Protein backbone atom coordinates (compact mmCIF):
# COMPACT_ATOMS: atom_id res chain seq x y z
CA MET A 1 -33.14 27.71 -18.78
CA LYS A 2 -29.35 27.76 -19.16
CA ARG A 3 -29.15 30.91 -17.04
CA ARG A 4 -31.07 29.19 -14.26
CA GLU A 5 -28.74 26.16 -14.39
CA ARG A 6 -25.68 28.41 -14.31
CA THR A 7 -27.08 30.32 -11.33
CA ARG A 8 -27.75 27.07 -9.49
CA HIS A 9 -24.21 25.88 -10.26
CA LEU A 10 -22.67 29.12 -8.96
CA ILE A 11 -24.74 28.95 -5.78
CA ALA A 12 -23.57 25.36 -5.19
CA LEU A 13 -19.93 26.39 -5.65
CA GLY A 14 -20.40 29.26 -3.21
CA GLY A 15 -21.88 26.79 -0.75
CA LEU A 16 -18.72 24.70 -0.98
CA VAL A 17 -16.60 27.74 -0.13
CA VAL A 18 -18.76 28.36 2.94
CA LYS A 19 -18.83 24.66 3.89
CA SER A 20 -15.02 24.56 3.80
CA GLY A 21 -14.87 27.05 6.66
CA VAL A 22 -12.73 29.48 4.69
CA VAL A 23 -15.27 32.30 4.82
CA GLU A 24 -15.26 32.35 8.61
CA LEU A 25 -11.51 31.81 8.90
CA VAL A 26 -10.71 34.84 6.74
CA GLU A 27 -13.62 36.91 8.05
CA ASP A 28 -15.30 37.02 4.62
CA ASP A 29 -12.27 38.73 3.02
CA ARG A 30 -12.98 38.05 -0.63
CA ALA A 31 -9.49 39.05 -1.76
CA VAL A 32 -8.06 36.33 0.48
CA ILE A 33 -10.60 33.78 -0.77
CA LEU A 34 -9.78 34.61 -4.39
CA GLY A 35 -6.06 34.45 -3.55
CA LEU A 36 -6.51 30.96 -2.12
CA LEU A 37 -8.31 29.84 -5.27
CA VAL A 38 -5.69 31.44 -7.53
CA GLU A 39 -2.97 29.66 -5.54
CA ALA A 40 -4.78 26.33 -5.93
CA ALA A 41 -5.17 26.92 -9.68
CA ALA A 42 -1.43 27.68 -9.93
CA LYS A 43 -0.67 24.42 -8.11
CA LEU A 44 -2.82 22.57 -10.64
CA ARG A 45 -0.64 23.94 -13.44
CA THR A 46 2.48 22.27 -12.03
CA GLU A 47 3.81 18.75 -12.33
CA ASP A 48 2.44 18.19 -8.81
CA ARG A 49 -1.11 18.38 -10.20
CA GLU A 50 -2.08 14.73 -9.75
CA HIS A 51 -0.77 14.57 -6.20
CA ALA A 52 -2.66 17.75 -5.27
CA LEU A 53 -5.88 16.49 -6.87
CA THR A 54 -5.62 13.17 -5.04
CA LEU A 55 -5.00 14.87 -1.69
CA TRP A 56 -7.74 17.47 -2.13
CA ARG A 57 -10.24 14.89 -3.41
CA ARG A 58 -9.64 12.71 -0.32
CA ARG A 59 -10.04 15.67 2.01
CA GLY A 60 -13.20 16.78 0.22
CA LYS A 61 -14.77 13.33 0.37
CA ARG A 62 -13.90 13.11 4.06
CA ALA A 63 -15.49 16.51 4.68
CA PHE A 64 -18.68 15.45 2.86
CA ALA A 65 -18.77 12.21 4.89
CA ASP A 66 -18.23 14.08 8.16
CA ASP A 67 -20.98 16.51 7.22
CA ALA A 68 -23.36 13.65 6.43
CA LYS A 69 -22.60 12.05 9.82
CA THR A 70 -23.30 15.35 11.58
CA GLU A 71 -26.63 15.75 9.77
CA THR A 72 -27.62 12.18 10.72
CA LEU A 73 -26.80 12.83 14.36
CA THR A 74 -28.83 16.05 14.53
CA ILE A 75 -31.97 14.65 12.89
């Protein structure tokens, strides 16, 4: 059961990477994608952490809202 939950979680995280547009922008270059994530993790280890989280959270919520609007329009 735990393995199934973990698999589902990993698939959802991968979906977020795709939804962000990064995969297309870097032509599925996994080294670049990992580099972006490593860079973000490094940023979160600095004193600028809270500012970065606030900014990224806003952008993420906006992207989810935009996606929901697009789905509503296409249904």
